[in-house]
Amino acid sequence: AETMGSYLRETILRLSCDLERDSAYKNLPIYYEQGTKRHVAPDVFFLPGVPYEPDLKSYLLWKTDVPPAVAFEIVSPGNEYKDVVRNREIYARLGIGEYYWFNPDSGELAAFHLDPATGEYRPLEPDALGRYFSPALGLHVGLENGRIALYHEGRYVPPTEELRKEAELRYEEAERRCKEEQRRCKEEQRRREEEQRRREDADRARAEEQRRREEADRVILDLERRLKELQGDGA
């Protein structure tokens, strides 16, 4: 229950809350009757319109007059009546619009929306995938591998830790690809530089060959000139 509660709270905080305006808490007492110690403590609840306070120790309903919009109960052994019946009655009286409970032992998930006309909860029927849509959260509530789960735009939202691991794997893969691309770029740079050196060597060789031809032509012309001079002297 502790792990599932943490998952629900973290996911709601991440996807459904503007933390300057909304909040979600786990196992936080809600005192609902001023001057008494009467309270309930849903495993998780979503509180729109009340800014998030990470160090909040209890929620005093009469101070804001804003009830949670959603409450979750993870049914624990021996507390079935409290979680499923008694708390449901209190949540309805407080005006909590949506109520979900999940029994890990039986794998049963139930969803209720408050009927404003009667002030009582109306059980909901799941969709074809066995999920319930939460208007307040903008998410679907369902089951994934035998555990309560939240879905965003039809896709399962994994726990933050799994997302972190997935992000790390994606980062490592991106880093590997970056290094591979850098290696290819360096190899391509070396190839271009080598090709440039070969062209420069070829240009130098052609220039040297041209210089030698011109030198040979000059030598031949000089010999021809001298030969003519000698022939003229002999005449």
Protein backbone atom coordinates (compact mmCIF):
# COMPACT_ATOMS: atom_id res chain seq x y z
CA ALA A 1 0.00 0.00 0.00
CA GLU A 2 2.85 2.38 0.83
CA THR A 3 4.48 1.86 -2.56
CA MET A 4 1.22 2.19 -4.48
CA GLY A 5 0.32 5.31 -2.49
CA SER A 6 3.68 6.89 -3.32
CA TYR A 7 3.18 6.03 -6.99
CA LEU A 8 -0.28 7.62 -7.07
CA ARG A 9 0.82 10.79 -5.26
CA GLU A 10 3.96 11.31 -7.34
CA THR A 11 2.13 10.68 -10.62
CA ILE A 12 -0.72 13.03 -9.72
CA LEU A 13 1.73 15.73 -8.62
CA ARG A 14 3.63 15.33 -11.88
CA LEU A 15 0.73 15.15 -14.32
CA SER A 16 -2.34 16.72 -12.71
CA CYS A 17 -1.00 19.50 -10.49
CA ASP A 18 0.15 23.02 -11.01
CA LEU A 19 2.02 23.11 -7.70
CA GLU A 20 1.40 26.83 -7.25
CA ARG A 21 -2.31 26.08 -7.37
CA ASP A 22 -2.98 22.37 -6.73
CA SER A 23 -1.68 19.64 -4.44
CA ALA A 24 -1.75 15.93 -3.69
CA TYR A 25 -0.90 14.19 -0.43
CA LYS A 26 -0.43 10.71 0.95
CA ASN A 27 -1.71 9.61 4.38
CA LEU A 28 -2.26 13.23 5.40
CA PRO A 29 -4.99 13.70 8.06
CA ILE A 30 -7.96 15.80 6.96
CA TYR A 31 -9.57 17.44 9.99
CA TYR A 32 -13.08 18.28 8.90
CA GLU A 33 -14.87 19.47 12.06
CA GLN A 34 -13.46 22.47 13.89
CA GLY A 35 -13.05 22.01 17.63
CA THR A 36 -12.88 18.21 17.39
CA LYS A 37 -10.25 15.66 16.47
CA ARG A 38 -12.43 14.05 13.84
CA HIS A 39 -10.43 13.34 10.75
CA VAL A 40 -9.85 10.94 7.89
CA ALA A 41 -6.59 10.16 6.15
CA PRO A 42 -7.04 8.82 2.61
CA ASP A 43 -4.09 6.90 1.29
CA VAL A 44 -3.89 9.58 -1.41
CA PHE A 45 -6.00 12.62 -2.22
CA PHE A 46 -5.93 15.33 -4.87
CA LEU A 47 -6.68 18.89 -3.80
CA PRO A 48 -7.28 21.39 -6.60
CA GLY A 49 -7.17 25.07 -5.83
CA VAL A 50 -4.91 24.73 -2.77
CA PRO A 51 -1.14 25.26 -3.35
CA TYR A 52 1.15 22.37 -2.52
CA GLU A 53 2.96 22.50 0.84
CA PRO A 54 5.56 19.71 1.07
CA ASP A 55 5.87 20.04 4.86
CA LEU A 56 2.14 20.12 5.60
CA LYS A 57 1.30 17.94 8.64
CA SER A 58 -2.52 18.06 8.42
CA TYR A 59 -5.22 19.64 6.31
CA LEU A 60 -7.82 21.73 8.12
CA LEU A 61 -10.85 21.70 5.88
CA TRP A 62 -12.62 24.64 7.54
CA LYS A 63 -9.69 26.96 6.76
CA THR A 64 -10.09 26.64 2.99
CA ASP A 65 -13.54 25.10 2.67
CA VAL A 66 -12.07 23.22 -0.32
CA PRO A 67 -12.55 19.45 -0.11
CA PRO A 68 -10.35 17.07 -2.08
CA ALA A 69 -11.62 16.32 -5.57
CA VAL A 70 -10.34 12.73 -5.53
CA ALA A 71 -9.60 10.20 -2.78
CA PHE A 72 -7.87 6.83 -3.09
CA GLU A 73 -7.92 3.98 -0.59
CA ILE A 74 -5.62 0.97 -0.79
CA VAL A 75 -7.57 -1.57 1.25
CA SER A 76 -5.44 -3.12 3.98
CA PRO A 77 -6.19 -6.47 5.68
CA GLY A 78 -8.48 -6.01 8.65
CA ASN A 79 -9.53 -2.50 7.58
CA GLU A 80 -11.93 -3.42 4.78
CA TYR A 81 -14.96 -1.92 6.53
CA LYS A 82 -13.17 1.35 7.33
CA ASP A 83 -11.67 1.77 3.86
CA VAL A 84 -14.65 0.61 1.80
CA VAL A 85 -17.71 1.60 3.88
CA ARG A 86 -17.08 4.03 6.72
CA ASN A 87 -14.63 6.31 4.90
CA ARG A 88 -16.83 6.27 1.83
CA GLU A 89 -19.66 7.75 3.88
CA ILE A 90 -17.38 10.45 5.28
CA TYR A 91 -15.95 11.28 1.84
CA ALA A 92 -19.47 11.69 0.48
CA ARG A 93 -20.40 13.99 3.35
CA LEU A 94 -17.29 16.10 2.75
CA GLY A 95 -18.14 16.44 -0.93
CA ILE A 96 -15.16 14.55 -2.37
CA GLY A 97 -16.21 14.18 -5.99
CA GLU A 98 -14.38 10.96 -6.86
CA TYR A 99 -13.53 7.97 -4.71
CA TYR A 100 -11.50 4.90 -5.75
CA TRP A 101 -10.53 1.89 -3.71
CA PHE A 102 -8.28 -1.01 -4.59
CA ASN A 103 -7.94 -4.31 -2.74
CA PRO A 104 -4.47 -5.80 -3.38
CA ASP A 105 -5.54 -9.18 -1.97
CA SER A 106 -8.51 -9.66 -4.29
CA GLY A 107 -7.23 -7.46 -7.13
CA GLU A 108 -10.56 -5.62 -7.14
CA LEU A 109 -10.75 -1.97 -8.17
CA ALA A 110 -13.90 0.11 -7.67
CA ALA A 111 -14.71 3.69 -8.68
CA PHE A 112 -17.42 6.07 -7.49
CA HIS A 113 -18.46 9.56 -8.53
CA LEU A 114 -20.51 11.73 -6.20
CA ASP A 115 -24.04 12.44 -7.38
CA PRO A 116 -24.63 16.11 -6.52
CA ALA A 117 -28.40 15.59 -6.56
CA THR A 118 -28.41 12.90 -3.87
CA GLY A 119 -25.08 13.55 -2.14
CA GLU A 120 -24.27 9.85 -2.50
CA TYR A 121 -21.69 7.98 -4.50
CA ARG A 122 -22.68 6.32 -7.75
CA PRO A 123 -20.59 3.29 -8.74
CA LEU A 124 -19.06 3.52 -12.20
CA GLU A 125 -18.73 0.85 -14.85
CA PRO A 126 -15.24 0.38 -16.31
CA ASP A 127 -14.58 0.90 -19.99
CA ALA A 128 -13.62 -1.88 -22.38
CA LEU A 129 -10.08 -1.86 -20.98
CA GLY A 130 -11.28 -2.11 -17.39
CA ARG A 131 -10.38 1.51 -16.62
CA TYR A 132 -12.21 4.47 -15.13
CA PHE A 133 -11.79 8.06 -16.29
CA SER A 134 -11.14 10.67 -13.62
CA PRO A 135 -12.38 14.09 -14.83
CA ALA A 136 -10.62 15.84 -11.96
CA LEU A 137 -7.23 14.27 -12.71
CA GLY A 138 -7.57 14.07 -16.47
CA LEU A 139 -6.25 10.49 -16.16
CA HIS A 140 -7.65 6.99 -16.31
CA VAL A 141 -7.47 4.71 -13.28
CA GLY A 142 -6.96 1.01 -13.90
CA LEU A 143 -4.81 -2.00 -13.14
CA GLU A 144 -1.34 -2.84 -14.41
CA ASN A 145 0.28 -6.14 -13.42
CA GLY A 146 -2.13 -6.55 -10.54
CA ARG A 147 -1.53 -3.07 -9.13
CA ILE A 148 -3.50 0.15 -9.26
CA ALA A 149 -2.24 2.32 -12.10
CA LEU A 150 -2.79 5.65 -13.83
CA TYR A 151 -3.00 6.15 -17.58
CA HIS A 152 -2.36 9.32 -19.56
CA GLU A 153 -3.85 9.53 -23.06
CA GLY A 154 -4.34 5.78 -22.99
CA ARG A 155 -0.78 4.94 -22.01
CA TYR A 156 0.32 3.52 -18.68
CA VAL A 157 2.31 5.98 -16.60
CA PRO A 158 5.16 4.07 -14.90
CA PRO A 159 6.50 5.03 -11.47
CA THR A 160 8.93 7.92 -11.23
CA GLU A 161 11.81 5.53 -10.52
CA GLU A 162 11.10 3.59 -13.69
CA LEU A 163 10.88 6.83 -15.64
CA ARG A 164 14.20 7.88 -14.15
CA LYS A 165 15.81 4.58 -15.19
CA GLU A 166 14.26 4.87 -18.63
CA ALA A 167 15.56 8.43 -18.93
CA GLU A 168 19.02 7.26 -17.87
CA LEU A 169 18.95 4.50 -20.48
CA ARG A 170 17.83 6.98 -23.12
CA TYR A 171 20.60 9.37 -22.06
CA GLU A 172 23.19 6.60 -22.24
CA GLU A 173 21.93 5.58 -25.67
CA ALA A 174 21.97 9.21 -26.86
CA GLU A 175 25.48 9.62 -25.45
CA ARG A 176 26.60 6.44 -27.23
CA ARG A 177 25.11 7.67 -30.50
CA CYS A 178 26.72 11.07 -30.01
CA LYS A 179 30.13 9.48 -29.45
CA GLU A 180 29.62 7.24 -32.48
CA GLU A 181 28.67 10.27 -34.57
CA GLN A 182 31.73 12.14 -33.28
CA ARG A 183 33.90 9.13 -34.20
CA ARG A 184 32.40 9.05 -37.70
CA CYS A 185 32.93 12.79 -38.08
CA LYS A 186 36.57 12.47 -37.03
CA GLU A 187 37.08 9.59 -39.45
CA GLU A 188 35.42 11.60 -42.21
CA GLN A 189 37.62 14.59 -41.33
CA ARG A 190 40.75 12.41 -41.45
CA ARG A 191 39.58 10.96 -44.78
CA ARG A 192 39.07 14.47 -46.21
CA GLU A 193 42.43 15.61 -44.87
CA GLU A 194 44.12 12.54 -46.35
CA GLU A 195 42.38 13.14 -49.67
CA GLN A 196 43.50 16.77 -49.54
CA ARG A 197 47.09 15.68 -48.87
CA ARG A 198 46.95 13.28 -51.82
CA ARG A 199 45.64 16.05 -54.09
CA GLU A 200 48.35 18.41 -52.87
CA ASP A 201 51.02 15.71 -53.40
CA ALA A 202 49.64 15.08 -56.89
CA ASP A 203 49.67 18.81 -57.63
CA ARG A 204 53.26 19.05 -56.40
CA ALA A 205 54.22 16.02 -58.51
CA ARG A 206 52.60 17.55 -61.60
CA ALA A 207 54.28 20.88 -60.90
CA GLU A 208 57.63 19.12 -60.49
CA GLU A 209 57.08 17.16 -63.71
CA GLN A 210 56.18 20.40 -65.49
CA ARG A 211 59.30 22.06 -64.11
CA ARG A 212 61.45 19.16 -65.32
CA ARG A 213 59.91 19.30 -68.81
CA GLU A 214 60.48 23.02 -68.99
CA GLU A 215 64.05 22.52 -67.78
CA ALA A 216 64.59 19.77 -70.36
CA ASP A 217 63.13 22.01 -73.09
CA ARG A 218 65.48 24.79 -72.06
CA VAL A 219 68.47 22.41 -72.16
CA ILE A 220 67.46 21.14 -75.61
CA LEU A 221 66.98 24.65 -76.93
CA ASP A 222 70.34 25.68 -75.52
CA LEU A 223 72.04 22.66 -77.17
CA GLU A 224 70.35 23.39 -80.47
CA ARG A 225 71.46 27.00 -80.25
CA ARG A 226 75.06 26.01 -79.52
CA LEU A 227 74.99 23.44 -82.29
CA LYS A 228 73.91 26.09 -84.76
CA GLU A 229 76.63 28.40 -83.54
CA LEU A 230 79.23 25.68 -84.03
CA GLN A 231 77.95 24.94 -87.51
CA GLY A 232 78.11 28.63 -88.33
CA ASP A 233 81.71 28.84 -87.14
CA GLY A 234 82.69 25.79 -89.21
CA ALA A 235 81.30 27.32 -92.34
